[in-house]
Amino acid sequence: MKETEILKLDKRGRIVIPRIMRKSLGLTENTQLLAISDSEVKEIRIIPLQLAEDRVYIKIKINMPDTPGSLARLTNVFGELGLSLVYLESIIVKKGYLAETNIIAPSPTDISLEELKNILLDKGEAKDVFIIEGKSLMISEED
């Protein structure tokens, strides 16, 4: 069932998610939410997450070739390392040449972030890899 409401920002930029929406989605106090803004279409999406409180998460921005199988090679690296993906979005920047993938995943515990970067560059055939680590991630295209 879909609920529709018009919400208003307060002075500090906060919104209140109406009770009926919280109830239907099972949202309670301290529920973690992923907010994704898209300035091109003027849209914000809010998605409930089930993240482990004791884990550190990383945000990875990857530039890769826009060729068949390139995204599969990247995601296979995460599977081989036993890292589940919390969020993945991939876009074509220049058809046939360059794509960009943004990922949120748990920080690996068996290897360093530098090693992860090198594996993505080597096995994942990425062109550039940028990693941000933190319990609370503020993710934007400027990262």
N, C-alpha and C. Protein backbone atom coordinates (compact mmCIF):
# COMPACT_ATOMS: atom_id res chain seq x y z
N MET A 1 0.84 -1.17 0.00
CA MET A 1 0.00 0.00 0.00
C MET A 1 0.89 1.24 0.00
N LYS A 2 0.54 2.23 -0.78
CA LYS A 2 1.31 3.47 -0.86
C LYS A 2 0.61 4.56 -0.07
N GLU A 3 1.41 5.31 0.66
CA GLU A 3 0.91 6.47 1.40
C GLU A 3 1.50 7.72 0.76
N THR A 4 0.73 8.78 0.70
CA THR A 4 1.19 10.04 0.15
C THR A 4 0.90 11.16 1.13
N GLU A 5 1.90 11.95 1.41
CA GLU A 5 1.76 13.09 2.31
C GLU A 5 2.60 14.24 1.77
N ILE A 6 2.19 15.46 2.03
CA ILE A 6 3.02 16.62 1.76
C ILE A 6 3.67 17.00 3.08
N LEU A 7 5.02 17.02 3.08
CA LEU A 7 5.78 17.30 4.29
C LEU A 7 6.43 18.66 4.19
N LYS A 8 6.76 19.23 5.34
CA LYS A 8 7.34 20.56 5.39
C LYS A 8 8.64 20.51 6.19
N LEU A 9 9.68 21.14 5.67
CA LEU A 9 10.94 21.24 6.40
C LEU A 9 10.82 22.28 7.50
N ASP A 10 11.44 22.00 8.66
CA ASP A 10 11.50 23.04 9.69
C ASP A 10 12.75 23.89 9.46
N LYS A 11 13.03 24.83 10.35
CA LYS A 11 14.16 25.74 10.19
C LYS A 11 15.49 25.03 10.09
N ARG A 12 15.60 23.86 10.70
CA ARG A 12 16.86 23.12 10.71
C ARG A 12 16.92 22.07 9.60
N GLY A 13 15.94 22.06 8.69
CA GLY A 13 15.95 21.13 7.56
C GLY A 13 15.39 19.76 7.88
N ARG A 14 14.72 19.61 9.01
CA ARG A 14 14.18 18.31 9.41
C ARG A 14 12.76 18.13 8.89
N ILE A 15 12.39 16.87 8.70
CA ILE A 15 11.02 16.51 8.37
C ILE A 15 10.55 15.48 9.38
N VAL A 16 9.27 15.37 9.53
CA VAL A 16 8.69 14.33 10.36
C VAL A 16 8.01 13.33 9.43
N ILE A 17 8.38 12.06 9.56
CA ILE A 17 7.73 11.02 8.77
C ILE A 17 6.43 10.68 9.50
N PRO A 18 5.29 10.84 8.83
CA PRO A 18 4.01 10.61 9.48
C PRO A 18 3.90 9.21 10.11
N ARG A 19 3.18 9.12 11.21
CA ARG A 19 3.02 7.89 11.97
C ARG A 19 2.55 6.73 11.11
N ILE A 20 1.57 6.97 10.24
CA ILE A 20 1.04 5.87 9.41
C ILE A 20 2.13 5.29 8.51
N MET A 21 3.04 6.14 8.01
CA MET A 21 4.14 5.67 7.18
C MET A 21 5.16 4.91 8.02
N ARG A 22 5.48 5.45 9.20
CA ARG A 22 6.42 4.75 10.09
C ARG A 22 5.89 3.38 10.46
N LYS A 23 4.60 3.33 10.79
CA LYS A 23 4.00 2.06 11.20
C LYS A 23 3.98 1.05 10.06
N SER A 24 3.58 1.48 8.87
CA SER A 24 3.49 0.54 7.74
C SER A 24 4.86 0.04 7.30
N LEU A 25 5.91 0.81 7.55
CA LEU A 25 7.26 0.39 7.19
C LEU A 25 8.03 -0.24 8.35
N GLY A 26 7.41 -0.24 9.52
CA GLY A 26 8.08 -0.81 10.69
C GLY A 26 9.23 0.04 11.20
N LEU A 27 9.15 1.35 11.00
CA LEU A 27 10.20 2.26 11.45
C LEU A 27 9.99 2.60 12.92
N THR A 28 11.04 2.48 13.69
CA THR A 28 10.99 2.83 15.10
C THR A 28 12.15 3.78 15.41
N GLU A 29 12.19 4.27 16.63
CA GLU A 29 13.28 5.14 17.04
C GLU A 29 14.61 4.41 16.80
N ASN A 30 15.57 5.11 16.30
CA ASN A 30 16.92 4.60 15.98
C ASN A 30 16.99 3.74 14.73
N THR A 31 15.90 3.64 13.96
CA THR A 31 15.98 2.97 12.67
C THR A 31 16.94 3.76 11.78
N GLN A 32 17.83 3.05 11.12
CA GLN A 32 18.78 3.71 10.24
C GLN A 32 18.15 3.87 8.86
N LEU A 33 18.35 5.06 8.28
CA LEU A 33 17.77 5.37 6.98
C LEU A 33 18.87 5.81 6.02
N LEU A 34 18.78 5.39 4.77
CA LEU A 34 19.68 5.84 3.73
C LEU A 34 18.94 6.91 2.94
N ALA A 35 19.52 8.11 2.86
CA ALA A 35 18.92 9.19 2.08
C ALA A 35 19.74 9.38 0.82
N ILE A 36 19.07 9.38 -0.32
CA ILE A 36 19.73 9.55 -1.60
C ILE A 36 19.08 10.74 -2.29
N SER A 37 19.90 11.77 -2.58
CA SER A 37 19.35 12.92 -3.29
C SER A 37 19.87 12.92 -4.72
N ASP A 38 19.02 13.35 -5.63
CA ASP A 38 19.38 13.44 -7.04
C ASP A 38 19.01 14.85 -7.49
N SER A 39 20.03 15.70 -7.62
CA SER A 39 19.77 17.10 -7.97
C SER A 39 19.27 17.26 -9.40
N GLU A 40 19.57 16.30 -10.26
CA GLU A 40 19.12 16.41 -11.65
C GLU A 40 17.61 16.30 -11.77
N VAL A 41 16.99 15.42 -10.99
CA VAL A 41 15.54 15.26 -11.05
C VAL A 41 14.83 15.86 -9.83
N LYS A 42 15.62 16.52 -8.94
CA LYS A 42 15.07 17.17 -7.75
C LYS A 42 14.28 16.17 -6.91
N GLU A 43 14.96 15.09 -6.50
CA GLU A 43 14.29 14.01 -5.80
C GLU A 43 15.14 13.55 -4.62
N ILE A 44 14.47 13.19 -3.53
CA ILE A 44 15.12 12.56 -2.38
C ILE A 44 14.42 11.24 -2.13
N ARG A 45 15.21 10.17 -2.01
CA ARG A 45 14.67 8.86 -1.63
C ARG A 45 15.19 8.51 -0.25
N ILE A 46 14.33 7.98 0.59
CA ILE A 46 14.71 7.57 1.94
C ILE A 46 14.39 6.08 2.06
N ILE A 47 15.43 5.29 2.37
CA ILE A 47 15.28 3.84 2.40
C ILE A 47 15.70 3.30 3.76
N PRO A 48 14.83 2.55 4.45
CA PRO A 48 15.23 1.95 5.74
C PRO A 48 16.32 0.90 5.54
N LEU A 49 17.28 0.87 6.45
CA LEU A 49 18.38 -0.10 6.39
C LEU A 49 18.44 -0.91 7.67
N GLN A 50 19.07 -2.05 7.58
CA GLN A 50 19.34 -2.90 8.74
C GLN A 50 20.85 -3.04 8.85
N LEU A 51 21.52 -2.02 9.33
CA LEU A 51 22.97 -2.06 9.47
C LEU A 51 23.35 -2.51 10.87
N ALA A 52 24.44 -3.24 10.94
CA ALA A 52 24.95 -3.68 12.24
C ALA A 52 25.54 -2.48 12.97
N GLU A 53 25.14 -2.28 14.21
CA GLU A 53 25.60 -1.14 14.99
C GLU A 53 27.10 -1.17 15.24
N ASP A 54 27.68 -2.37 15.31
CA ASP A 54 29.08 -2.50 15.67
C ASP A 54 30.02 -2.53 14.47
N ARG A 55 29.51 -2.28 13.26
CA ARG A 55 30.34 -2.31 12.05
C ARG A 55 30.63 -0.91 11.56
N VAL A 56 31.77 -0.76 10.94
CA VAL A 56 32.12 0.48 10.25
C VAL A 56 31.82 0.25 8.77
N TYR A 57 31.23 1.24 8.14
CA TYR A 57 30.87 1.13 6.72
C TYR A 57 31.72 2.08 5.90
N ILE A 58 31.94 1.69 4.66
CA ILE A 58 32.72 2.52 3.75
C ILE A 58 31.87 2.89 2.55
N LYS A 59 32.20 4.05 2.00
CA LYS A 59 31.59 4.49 0.75
C LYS A 59 32.70 4.48 -0.28
N ILE A 60 32.46 3.85 -1.39
CA ILE A 60 33.47 3.72 -2.43
C ILE A 60 32.93 4.30 -3.73
N LYS A 61 33.69 5.20 -4.32
CA LYS A 61 33.37 5.74 -5.64
C LYS A 61 34.40 5.16 -6.60
N ILE A 62 33.92 4.48 -7.62
CA ILE A 62 34.80 3.78 -8.55
C ILE A 62 34.53 4.27 -9.97
N ASN A 63 35.60 4.70 -10.63
CA ASN A 63 35.53 4.99 -12.06
C ASN A 63 36.03 3.74 -12.77
N MET A 64 35.28 3.31 -13.77
CA MET A 64 35.62 2.05 -14.44
C MET A 64 35.30 2.17 -15.92
N PRO A 65 35.86 1.27 -16.72
CA PRO A 65 35.52 1.31 -18.14
C PRO A 65 34.06 0.92 -18.37
N ASP A 66 33.41 1.55 -19.32
CA ASP A 66 32.04 1.18 -19.69
C ASP A 66 32.13 0.10 -20.76
N THR A 67 32.43 -1.12 -20.30
CA THR A 67 32.54 -2.26 -21.20
C THR A 67 31.73 -3.42 -20.62
N PRO A 68 31.29 -4.35 -21.46
CA PRO A 68 30.51 -5.49 -20.96
C PRO A 68 31.30 -6.26 -19.89
N GLY A 69 30.64 -6.52 -18.76
CA GLY A 69 31.25 -7.31 -17.69
C GLY A 69 32.02 -6.52 -16.66
N SER A 70 32.21 -5.21 -16.88
CA SER A 70 33.04 -4.45 -15.93
C SER A 70 32.38 -4.35 -14.56
N LEU A 71 31.07 -4.15 -14.48
CA LEU A 71 30.39 -4.09 -13.19
C LEU A 71 30.42 -5.46 -12.50
N ALA A 72 30.27 -6.53 -13.27
CA ALA A 72 30.32 -7.88 -12.70
C ALA A 72 31.69 -8.16 -12.09
N ARG A 73 32.76 -7.73 -12.75
CA ARG A 73 34.11 -7.94 -12.21
C ARG A 73 34.27 -7.22 -10.87
N LEU A 74 33.73 -6.00 -10.80
CA LEU A 74 33.82 -5.24 -9.54
C LEU A 74 33.03 -5.92 -8.42
N THR A 75 31.80 -6.30 -8.70
CA THR A 75 30.98 -6.91 -7.65
C THR A 75 31.50 -8.28 -7.25
N ASN A 76 32.15 -9.00 -8.17
CA ASN A 76 32.76 -10.28 -7.83
C ASN A 76 33.85 -10.12 -6.78
N VAL A 77 34.58 -9.01 -6.83
CA VAL A 77 35.61 -8.75 -5.83
C VAL A 77 34.99 -8.73 -4.44
N PHE A 78 33.85 -8.06 -4.30
CA PHE A 78 33.19 -7.99 -3.00
C PHE A 78 32.72 -9.37 -2.55
N GLY A 79 32.20 -10.17 -3.49
CA GLY A 79 31.78 -11.53 -3.16
C GLY A 79 32.94 -12.39 -2.71
N GLU A 80 34.06 -12.29 -3.41
CA GLU A 80 35.24 -13.07 -3.05
C GLU A 80 35.77 -12.68 -1.66
N LEU A 81 35.60 -11.42 -1.29
CA LEU A 81 36.06 -10.94 0.02
C LEU A 81 35.01 -11.15 1.11
N GLY A 82 33.82 -11.64 0.74
CA GLY A 82 32.76 -11.87 1.71
C GLY A 82 32.11 -10.59 2.23
N LEU A 83 32.13 -9.55 1.41
CA LEU A 83 31.53 -8.26 1.80
C LEU A 83 30.20 -8.08 1.07
N SER A 84 29.12 -7.93 1.84
CA SER A 84 27.83 -7.67 1.21
C SER A 84 27.72 -6.19 0.87
N LEU A 85 26.97 -5.92 -0.16
CA LEU A 85 26.76 -4.54 -0.58
C LEU A 85 25.47 -4.02 0.04
N VAL A 86 25.57 -2.88 0.72
CA VAL A 86 24.39 -2.26 1.30
C VAL A 86 23.68 -1.42 0.24
N TYR A 87 24.48 -0.80 -0.61
CA TYR A 87 23.94 0.08 -1.65
C TYR A 87 24.89 0.06 -2.83
N LEU A 88 24.34 0.03 -4.04
CA LEU A 88 25.14 0.12 -5.26
C LEU A 88 24.35 0.90 -6.29
N GLU A 89 25.02 1.86 -6.89
CA GLU A 89 24.43 2.61 -8.00
C GLU A 89 25.51 2.81 -9.03
N SER A 90 25.20 2.51 -10.27
CA SER A 90 26.17 2.65 -11.35
C SER A 90 25.56 3.46 -12.48
N ILE A 91 26.34 4.40 -13.01
CA ILE A 91 25.86 5.22 -14.13
C ILE A 91 26.93 5.27 -15.22
N ILE A 92 26.48 5.44 -16.44
CA ILE A 92 27.41 5.62 -17.56
C ILE A 92 27.71 7.10 -17.67
N VAL A 93 29.00 7.43 -17.60
CA VAL A 93 29.43 8.82 -17.74
C VAL A 93 29.65 9.14 -19.21
N LYS A 94 30.36 8.26 -19.91
CA LYS A 94 30.58 8.41 -21.35
C LYS A 94 30.44 7.04 -21.99
N LYS A 95 29.38 6.86 -22.75
CA LYS A 95 29.03 5.56 -23.36
C LYS A 95 30.23 4.93 -24.06
N GLY A 96 30.51 3.69 -23.67
CA GLY A 96 31.61 2.95 -24.29
C GLY A 96 32.98 3.25 -23.71
N TYR A 97 33.08 4.24 -22.81
CA TYR A 97 34.39 4.62 -22.26
C TYR A 97 34.45 4.61 -20.74
N LEU A 98 33.49 5.30 -20.08
CA LEU A 98 33.62 5.50 -18.64
C LEU A 98 32.27 5.35 -17.93
N ALA A 99 32.29 4.62 -16.81
CA ALA A 99 31.13 4.49 -15.94
C ALA A 99 31.58 4.79 -14.52
N GLU A 100 30.62 5.15 -13.67
CA GLU A 100 30.91 5.44 -12.27
C GLU A 100 30.00 4.58 -11.41
N THR A 101 30.58 3.96 -10.40
CA THR A 101 29.81 3.14 -9.48
C THR A 101 30.04 3.63 -8.06
N ASN A 102 28.96 3.80 -7.31
CA ASN A 102 29.03 4.19 -5.91
C ASN A 102 28.49 3.04 -5.08
N ILE A 103 29.26 2.66 -4.07
CA ILE A 103 28.94 1.49 -3.24
C ILE A 103 29.04 1.86 -1.77
N ILE A 104 28.12 1.33 -0.96
CA ILE A 104 28.26 1.35 0.49
C ILE A 104 28.34 -0.11 0.91
N ALA A 105 29.37 -0.41 1.70
CA ALA A 105 29.59 -1.80 2.14
C ALA A 105 30.26 -1.78 3.51
N PRO A 106 30.19 -2.90 4.24
CA PRO A 106 30.94 -2.97 5.49
C PRO A 106 32.44 -2.87 5.20
N SER A 107 33.15 -2.22 6.08
CA SER A 107 34.61 -2.13 5.94
C SER A 107 35.20 -3.53 6.12
N PRO A 108 36.12 -3.93 5.26
CA PRO A 108 36.71 -5.26 5.42
C PRO A 108 37.51 -5.36 6.71
N THR A 109 37.50 -6.53 7.31
CA THR A 109 38.25 -6.74 8.56
C THR A 109 39.55 -7.49 8.32
N ASP A 110 39.66 -8.20 7.19
CA ASP A 110 40.84 -9.02 6.92
C ASP A 110 41.93 -8.31 6.12
N ILE A 111 41.56 -7.22 5.44
CA ILE A 111 42.53 -6.49 4.63
C ILE A 111 42.36 -5.00 4.89
N SER A 112 43.38 -4.22 4.57
CA SER A 112 43.32 -2.77 4.75
C SER A 112 42.53 -2.15 3.60
N LEU A 113 42.13 -0.90 3.78
CA LEU A 113 41.42 -0.20 2.71
C LEU A 113 42.33 0.02 1.51
N GLU A 114 43.61 0.21 1.75
CA GLU A 114 44.56 0.35 0.65
C GLU A 114 44.64 -0.95 -0.16
N GLU A 115 44.63 -2.09 0.54
CA GLU A 115 44.64 -3.38 -0.16
C GLU A 115 43.35 -3.57 -0.96
N LEU A 116 42.21 -3.17 -0.37
CA LEU A 116 40.94 -3.26 -1.10
C LEU A 116 41.00 -2.42 -2.36
N LYS A 117 41.52 -1.21 -2.23
CA LYS A 117 41.65 -0.32 -3.39
C LYS A 117 42.49 -0.99 -4.48
N ASN A 118 43.61 -1.57 -4.09
CA ASN A 118 44.50 -2.22 -5.07
C ASN A 118 43.83 -3.42 -5.73
N ILE A 119 43.06 -4.18 -4.97
CA ILE A 119 42.35 -5.33 -5.54
C ILE A 119 41.30 -4.85 -6.55
N LEU A 120 40.59 -3.77 -6.21
CA LEU A 120 39.58 -3.23 -7.14
C LEU A 120 40.24 -2.71 -8.41
N LEU A 121 41.41 -2.10 -8.27
CA LEU A 121 42.14 -1.61 -9.45
C LEU A 121 42.64 -2.78 -10.30
N ASP A 122 43.11 -3.84 -9.64
CA ASP A 122 43.69 -4.97 -10.35
C ASP A 122 42.62 -5.96 -10.85
N LYS A 123 41.99 -6.67 -9.92
CA LYS A 123 41.00 -7.69 -10.28
C LYS A 123 39.71 -7.09 -10.81
N GLY A 124 39.30 -5.95 -10.24
CA GLY A 124 38.06 -5.32 -10.68
C GLY A 124 38.23 -4.45 -11.90
N GLU A 125 39.49 -4.24 -12.30
CA GLU A 125 39.83 -3.44 -13.47
C GLU A 125 39.29 -2.02 -13.40
N ALA A 126 39.23 -1.46 -12.17
CA ALA A 126 38.79 -0.08 -11.99
C ALA A 126 39.87 0.87 -12.49
N LYS A 127 39.46 2.07 -12.91
CA LYS A 127 40.42 3.11 -13.33
C LYS A 127 40.85 3.94 -12.13
N ASP A 128 39.91 4.33 -11.27
CA ASP A 128 40.17 5.11 -10.06
C ASP A 128 39.26 4.59 -8.95
N VAL A 129 39.75 4.61 -7.71
CA VAL A 129 38.97 4.17 -6.56
C VAL A 129 39.16 5.19 -5.44
N PHE A 130 38.05 5.70 -4.90
CA PHE A 130 38.08 6.63 -3.78
C PHE A 130 37.26 6.02 -2.65
N ILE A 131 37.86 5.89 -1.46
CA ILE A 131 37.19 5.24 -0.33
C ILE A 131 37.07 6.21 0.83
N ILE A 132 35.86 6.27 1.42
CA ILE A 132 35.59 7.06 2.62
C ILE A 132 35.11 6.10 3.69
N GLU A 133 35.69 6.17 4.87
CA GLU A 133 35.33 5.27 5.96
C GLU A 133 34.68 6.06 7.08
N GLY A 134 33.69 5.47 7.74
CA GLY A 134 33.09 6.11 8.90
C GLY A 134 31.83 5.44 9.36
N LYS A 135 31.52 5.58 10.66
CA LYS A 135 30.28 5.02 11.21
C LYS A 135 29.08 5.71 10.60
N SER A 136 29.18 7.03 10.45
CA SER A 136 28.09 7.80 9.87
C SER A 136 28.62 8.41 8.58
N LEU A 137 28.07 8.00 7.46
CA LEU A 137 28.56 8.47 6.18
C LEU A 137 27.66 9.54 5.61
N MET A 138 28.24 10.66 5.29
CA MET A 138 27.53 11.69 4.54
C MET A 138 28.05 11.56 3.13
N ILE A 139 27.21 11.13 2.25
CA ILE A 139 27.65 10.78 0.90
C ILE A 139 27.09 11.77 -0.10
N SER A 140 27.97 12.37 -0.87
CA SER A 140 27.50 13.27 -1.90
C SER A 140 28.41 13.11 -3.11
N GLU A 141 28.00 13.65 -4.24
CA GLU A 141 28.78 13.51 -5.46
C GLU A 141 30.10 14.25 -5.36
N GLU A 142 30.24 15.19 -4.43
CA GLU A 142 31.48 15.92 -4.28
C GLU A 142 32.55 15.10 -3.56
N ASP A 143 32.16 13.97 -2.93
CA ASP A 143 33.13 13.15 -2.18
C ASP A 143 34.23 12.64 -3.09
